[in-house]
Amino acid sequence: MTVRQPRYSKEEFAQRGDQIYQNEIRQKVEADNHGKIVAIDIETGAFELAESPMLAVDRLYERNPDAQPWVIRIGHRAVFRFGSRSLKKPV
């Protein structure tokens, strides 16, 4: 079993992941994938889309075993909810 270690602080992880999502990925995936998970390699910008965080990250690791994954739920502020509402406006 490979032990993966983060190479960045939590703050830098978040900053890099959010920047890549907002600038490069969001416009590609947001329209038809509300609520799905995006796992982003913060070093390469590669990403995987899936229904769950584990599946998205596993797919990313299959492509790049040395990936540094950042995970976000499309259309939400966080991956998991604790009684919060979606950012999507009701129709």
N, C-alpha and C. Protein backbone atom coordinates (compact mmCIF):
# COMPACT_ATOMS: atom_id res chain seq x y z
N MET A 1 0.84 -1.18 0.00
CA MET A 1 0.00 0.00 0.00
C MET A 1 0.88 1.24 0.00
N THR A 2 0.58 2.16 -0.89
CA THR A 2 1.33 3.40 -1.00
C THR A 2 0.84 4.40 0.03
N VAL A 3 1.78 4.99 0.75
CA VAL A 3 1.44 6.05 1.70
C VAL A 3 1.70 7.38 1.00
N ARG A 4 0.64 8.13 0.77
CA ARG A 4 0.76 9.43 0.10
C ARG A 4 0.83 10.53 1.15
N GLN A 5 1.73 11.45 0.91
CA GLN A 5 1.90 12.56 1.84
C GLN A 5 1.58 13.88 1.13
N PRO A 6 0.85 14.78 1.79
CA PRO A 6 0.62 16.09 1.19
C PRO A 6 1.93 16.87 1.09
N ARG A 7 2.07 17.61 0.01
CA ARG A 7 3.27 18.41 -0.20
C ARG A 7 3.01 19.90 0.00
N TYR A 8 1.79 20.24 0.42
CA TYR A 8 1.39 21.64 0.56
C TYR A 8 0.65 21.82 1.87
N SER A 9 0.64 23.05 2.36
CA SER A 9 -0.15 23.35 3.55
C SER A 9 -1.64 23.27 3.19
N LYS A 10 -2.48 23.18 4.18
CA LYS A 10 -3.93 23.14 3.94
C LYS A 10 -4.39 24.39 3.20
N GLU A 11 -3.82 25.52 3.56
CA GLU A 11 -4.20 26.78 2.93
C GLU A 11 -3.81 26.81 1.46
N GLU A 12 -2.61 26.34 1.14
CA GLU A 12 -2.16 26.33 -0.25
C GLU A 12 -2.95 25.30 -1.07
N PHE A 13 -3.25 24.15 -0.45
CA PHE A 13 -4.10 23.15 -1.11
C PHE A 13 -5.42 23.79 -1.53
N ALA A 14 -6.07 24.44 -0.58
CA ALA A 14 -7.37 25.06 -0.84
C ALA A 14 -7.26 26.15 -1.90
N GLN A 15 -6.25 26.99 -1.80
CA GLN A 15 -6.07 28.08 -2.75
C GLN A 15 -5.84 27.54 -4.16
N ARG A 16 -4.95 26.57 -4.30
CA ARG A 16 -4.66 26.00 -5.62
C ARG A 16 -5.89 25.29 -6.19
N GLY A 17 -6.54 24.46 -5.37
CA GLY A 17 -7.71 23.71 -5.85
C GLY A 17 -8.83 24.62 -6.28
N ASP A 18 -9.12 25.63 -5.49
CA ASP A 18 -10.20 26.56 -5.83
C ASP A 18 -9.86 27.37 -7.08
N GLN A 19 -8.62 27.80 -7.20
CA GLN A 19 -8.21 28.58 -8.36
C GLN A 19 -8.32 27.75 -9.65
N ILE A 20 -7.87 26.52 -9.63
CA ILE A 20 -7.95 25.66 -10.81
C ILE A 20 -9.42 25.40 -11.15
N TYR A 21 -10.24 25.12 -10.13
CA TYR A 21 -11.66 24.86 -10.39
C TYR A 21 -12.33 26.08 -11.02
N GLN A 22 -12.14 27.24 -10.42
CA GLN A 22 -12.81 28.46 -10.89
C GLN A 22 -12.33 28.89 -12.28
N ASN A 23 -11.03 28.77 -12.54
CA ASN A 23 -10.46 29.30 -13.79
C ASN A 23 -10.44 28.31 -14.95
N GLU A 24 -10.39 27.00 -14.67
CA GLU A 24 -10.18 26.04 -15.73
C GLU A 24 -11.27 24.97 -15.86
N ILE A 25 -11.91 24.61 -14.77
CA ILE A 25 -12.79 23.44 -14.80
C ILE A 25 -14.26 23.78 -14.69
N ARG A 26 -14.60 24.75 -13.89
CA ARG A 26 -16.00 25.07 -13.59
C ARG A 26 -16.86 25.21 -14.84
N GLN A 27 -16.42 26.00 -15.81
CA GLN A 27 -17.21 26.24 -17.02
C GLN A 27 -17.39 24.96 -17.85
N LYS A 28 -16.50 24.00 -17.71
CA LYS A 28 -16.59 22.74 -18.46
C LYS A 28 -17.60 21.76 -17.87
N VAL A 29 -17.79 21.80 -16.55
CA VAL A 29 -18.57 20.75 -15.89
C VAL A 29 -19.86 21.20 -15.21
N GLU A 30 -20.00 22.47 -14.90
CA GLU A 30 -21.08 22.92 -14.03
C GLU A 30 -22.49 22.73 -14.61
N ALA A 31 -22.69 22.95 -15.88
CA ALA A 31 -24.03 22.99 -16.46
C ALA A 31 -24.83 21.70 -16.26
N ASP A 32 -24.26 20.56 -16.49
CA ASP A 32 -25.02 19.31 -16.47
C ASP A 32 -24.67 18.38 -15.31
N ASN A 33 -23.89 18.84 -14.35
CA ASN A 33 -23.39 17.94 -13.32
C ASN A 33 -23.60 18.43 -11.89
N HIS A 34 -24.65 19.22 -11.66
CA HIS A 34 -24.90 19.76 -10.32
C HIS A 34 -24.95 18.64 -9.28
N GLY A 35 -24.18 18.80 -8.21
CA GLY A 35 -24.16 17.83 -7.12
C GLY A 35 -23.10 16.75 -7.26
N LYS A 36 -22.50 16.62 -8.43
CA LYS A 36 -21.44 15.62 -8.60
C LYS A 36 -20.13 16.13 -8.01
N ILE A 37 -19.18 15.23 -7.88
CA ILE A 37 -17.89 15.53 -7.27
C ILE A 37 -16.82 15.67 -8.35
N VAL A 38 -15.96 16.67 -8.16
CA VAL A 38 -14.79 16.83 -9.01
C VAL A 38 -13.55 16.68 -8.13
N ALA A 39 -12.65 15.75 -8.51
CA ALA A 39 -11.36 15.62 -7.85
C ALA A 39 -10.33 16.23 -8.80
N ILE A 40 -9.55 17.18 -8.30
CA ILE A 40 -8.59 17.92 -9.10
C ILE A 40 -7.18 17.68 -8.56
N ASP A 41 -6.25 17.33 -9.46
CA ASP A 41 -4.84 17.26 -9.07
C ASP A 41 -4.32 18.69 -9.08
N ILE A 42 -3.96 19.22 -7.91
CA ILE A 42 -3.59 20.63 -7.81
C ILE A 42 -2.23 20.92 -8.44
N GLU A 43 -1.49 19.89 -8.83
CA GLU A 43 -0.20 20.12 -9.49
C GLU A 43 -0.33 20.13 -11.02
N THR A 44 -1.21 19.30 -11.57
CA THR A 44 -1.30 19.18 -13.03
C THR A 44 -2.58 19.79 -13.61
N GLY A 45 -3.61 19.97 -12.78
CA GLY A 45 -4.89 20.46 -13.27
C GLY A 45 -5.77 19.36 -13.83
N ALA A 46 -5.28 18.11 -13.84
CA ALA A 46 -6.11 16.99 -14.29
C ALA A 46 -7.27 16.82 -13.32
N PHE A 47 -8.43 16.36 -13.83
CA PHE A 47 -9.57 16.19 -12.94
C PHE A 47 -10.41 15.00 -13.36
N GLU A 48 -11.17 14.49 -12.40
CA GLU A 48 -12.10 13.39 -12.62
C GLU A 48 -13.43 13.78 -12.01
N LEU A 49 -14.51 13.37 -12.64
CA LEU A 49 -15.88 13.65 -12.23
C LEU A 49 -16.53 12.34 -11.82
N ALA A 50 -17.23 12.33 -10.67
CA ALA A 50 -17.89 11.10 -10.21
C ALA A 50 -19.02 11.44 -9.25
N GLU A 51 -19.76 10.42 -8.86
CA GLU A 51 -20.88 10.58 -7.92
C GLU A 51 -20.42 10.67 -6.47
N SER A 52 -19.21 10.16 -6.17
CA SER A 52 -18.73 10.18 -4.79
C SER A 52 -17.27 10.64 -4.75
N PRO A 53 -16.84 11.21 -3.62
CA PRO A 53 -15.45 11.65 -3.50
C PRO A 53 -14.45 10.50 -3.68
N MET A 54 -14.73 9.36 -3.09
CA MET A 54 -13.80 8.23 -3.19
C MET A 54 -13.62 7.78 -4.63
N LEU A 55 -14.71 7.68 -5.38
CA LEU A 55 -14.64 7.25 -6.77
C LEU A 55 -13.86 8.26 -7.61
N ALA A 56 -14.12 9.53 -7.42
CA ALA A 56 -13.41 10.57 -8.18
C ALA A 56 -11.91 10.54 -7.88
N VAL A 57 -11.54 10.44 -6.61
CA VAL A 57 -10.13 10.41 -6.21
C VAL A 57 -9.47 9.13 -6.71
N ASP A 58 -10.15 8.00 -6.60
CA ASP A 58 -9.58 6.74 -7.09
C ASP A 58 -9.29 6.82 -8.58
N ARG A 59 -10.20 7.41 -9.34
CA ARG A 59 -9.98 7.56 -10.79
C ARG A 59 -8.79 8.48 -11.06
N LEU A 60 -8.67 9.53 -10.27
CA LEU A 60 -7.54 10.44 -10.43
C LEU A 60 -6.23 9.72 -10.13
N TYR A 61 -6.19 8.92 -9.07
CA TYR A 61 -4.99 8.16 -8.73
C TYR A 61 -4.66 7.10 -9.79
N GLU A 62 -5.68 6.56 -10.47
CA GLU A 62 -5.41 5.62 -11.55
C GLU A 62 -4.65 6.30 -12.67
N ARG A 63 -5.00 7.55 -12.96
CA ARG A 63 -4.32 8.32 -14.00
C ARG A 63 -2.95 8.79 -13.56
N ASN A 64 -2.83 9.19 -12.30
CA ASN A 64 -1.58 9.72 -11.78
C ASN A 64 -1.45 9.30 -10.31
N PRO A 65 -0.71 8.24 -10.05
CA PRO A 65 -0.57 7.75 -8.67
C PRO A 65 0.03 8.76 -7.70
N ASP A 66 0.69 9.79 -8.21
CA ASP A 66 1.33 10.79 -7.36
C ASP A 66 0.50 12.07 -7.25
N ALA A 67 -0.77 12.02 -7.64
CA ALA A 67 -1.64 13.20 -7.62
C ALA A 67 -1.81 13.77 -6.22
N GLN A 68 -2.07 15.06 -6.17
CA GLN A 68 -2.40 15.78 -4.93
C GLN A 68 -3.84 16.25 -5.08
N PRO A 69 -4.84 15.41 -4.70
CA PRO A 69 -6.24 15.71 -5.03
C PRO A 69 -6.92 16.73 -4.12
N TRP A 70 -7.64 17.64 -4.75
CA TRP A 70 -8.54 18.60 -4.10
C TRP A 70 -9.94 18.23 -4.57
N VAL A 71 -10.90 18.16 -3.68
CA VAL A 71 -12.24 17.68 -4.02
C VAL A 71 -13.27 18.77 -3.77
N ILE A 72 -14.22 18.91 -4.71
CA ILE A 72 -15.29 19.89 -4.58
C ILE A 72 -16.57 19.31 -5.16
N ARG A 73 -17.71 19.69 -4.58
CA ARG A 73 -19.02 19.28 -5.10
C ARG A 73 -19.55 20.42 -5.97
N ILE A 74 -19.92 20.09 -7.19
CA ILE A 74 -20.37 21.09 -8.16
C ILE A 74 -21.65 21.77 -7.67
N GLY A 75 -21.62 23.11 -7.61
CA GLY A 75 -22.77 23.89 -7.21
C GLY A 75 -22.95 24.04 -5.71
N HIS A 76 -21.98 23.59 -4.92
CA HIS A 76 -22.05 23.68 -3.46
C HIS A 76 -20.77 24.30 -2.93
N ARG A 77 -20.85 24.83 -1.73
CA ARG A 77 -19.67 25.41 -1.10
C ARG A 77 -18.77 24.36 -0.49
N ALA A 78 -19.32 23.21 -0.17
CA ALA A 78 -18.55 22.15 0.48
C ALA A 78 -18.91 20.80 -0.12
N VAL A 79 -18.06 19.82 0.11
CA VAL A 79 -18.31 18.47 -0.40
C VAL A 79 -19.47 17.83 0.35
N PHE A 80 -19.49 17.99 1.67
CA PHE A 80 -20.54 17.39 2.49
C PHE A 80 -21.41 18.48 3.10
N ARG A 81 -22.69 18.18 3.30
CA ARG A 81 -23.63 19.15 3.86
C ARG A 81 -23.96 18.80 5.31
N PHE A 82 -24.21 19.84 6.06
CA PHE A 82 -24.69 19.70 7.43
C PHE A 82 -25.88 20.63 7.58
N GLY A 83 -26.93 20.36 6.82
CA GLY A 83 -28.15 21.15 6.88
C GLY A 83 -28.13 22.40 6.03
N SER A 84 -27.08 22.60 5.25
CA SER A 84 -26.98 23.78 4.41
C SER A 84 -27.74 23.61 3.11
N ARG A 85 -27.99 24.72 2.43
CA ARG A 85 -28.70 24.67 1.14
C ARG A 85 -27.71 24.75 -0.01
N SER A 86 -28.18 24.34 -1.17
CA SER A 86 -27.42 24.41 -2.40
C SER A 86 -27.28 25.85 -2.86
N LEU A 87 -26.27 26.13 -3.68
CA LEU A 87 -26.11 27.46 -4.26
C LEU A 87 -27.00 27.63 -5.50
N LYS A 88 -27.53 26.53 -6.00
CA LYS A 88 -28.40 26.58 -7.18
C LYS A 88 -29.72 27.21 -6.82
N LYS A 89 -30.16 28.15 -7.62
CA LYS A 89 -31.42 28.84 -7.36
C LYS A 89 -32.60 27.94 -7.75
N PRO A 90 -33.67 27.91 -6.94
CA PRO A 90 -34.84 27.10 -7.27
C PRO A 90 -35.51 27.60 -8.55
N VAL A 91 -36.01 26.65 -9.31
CA VAL A 91 -36.65 27.00 -10.58
C VAL A 91 -38.13 27.17 -10.40
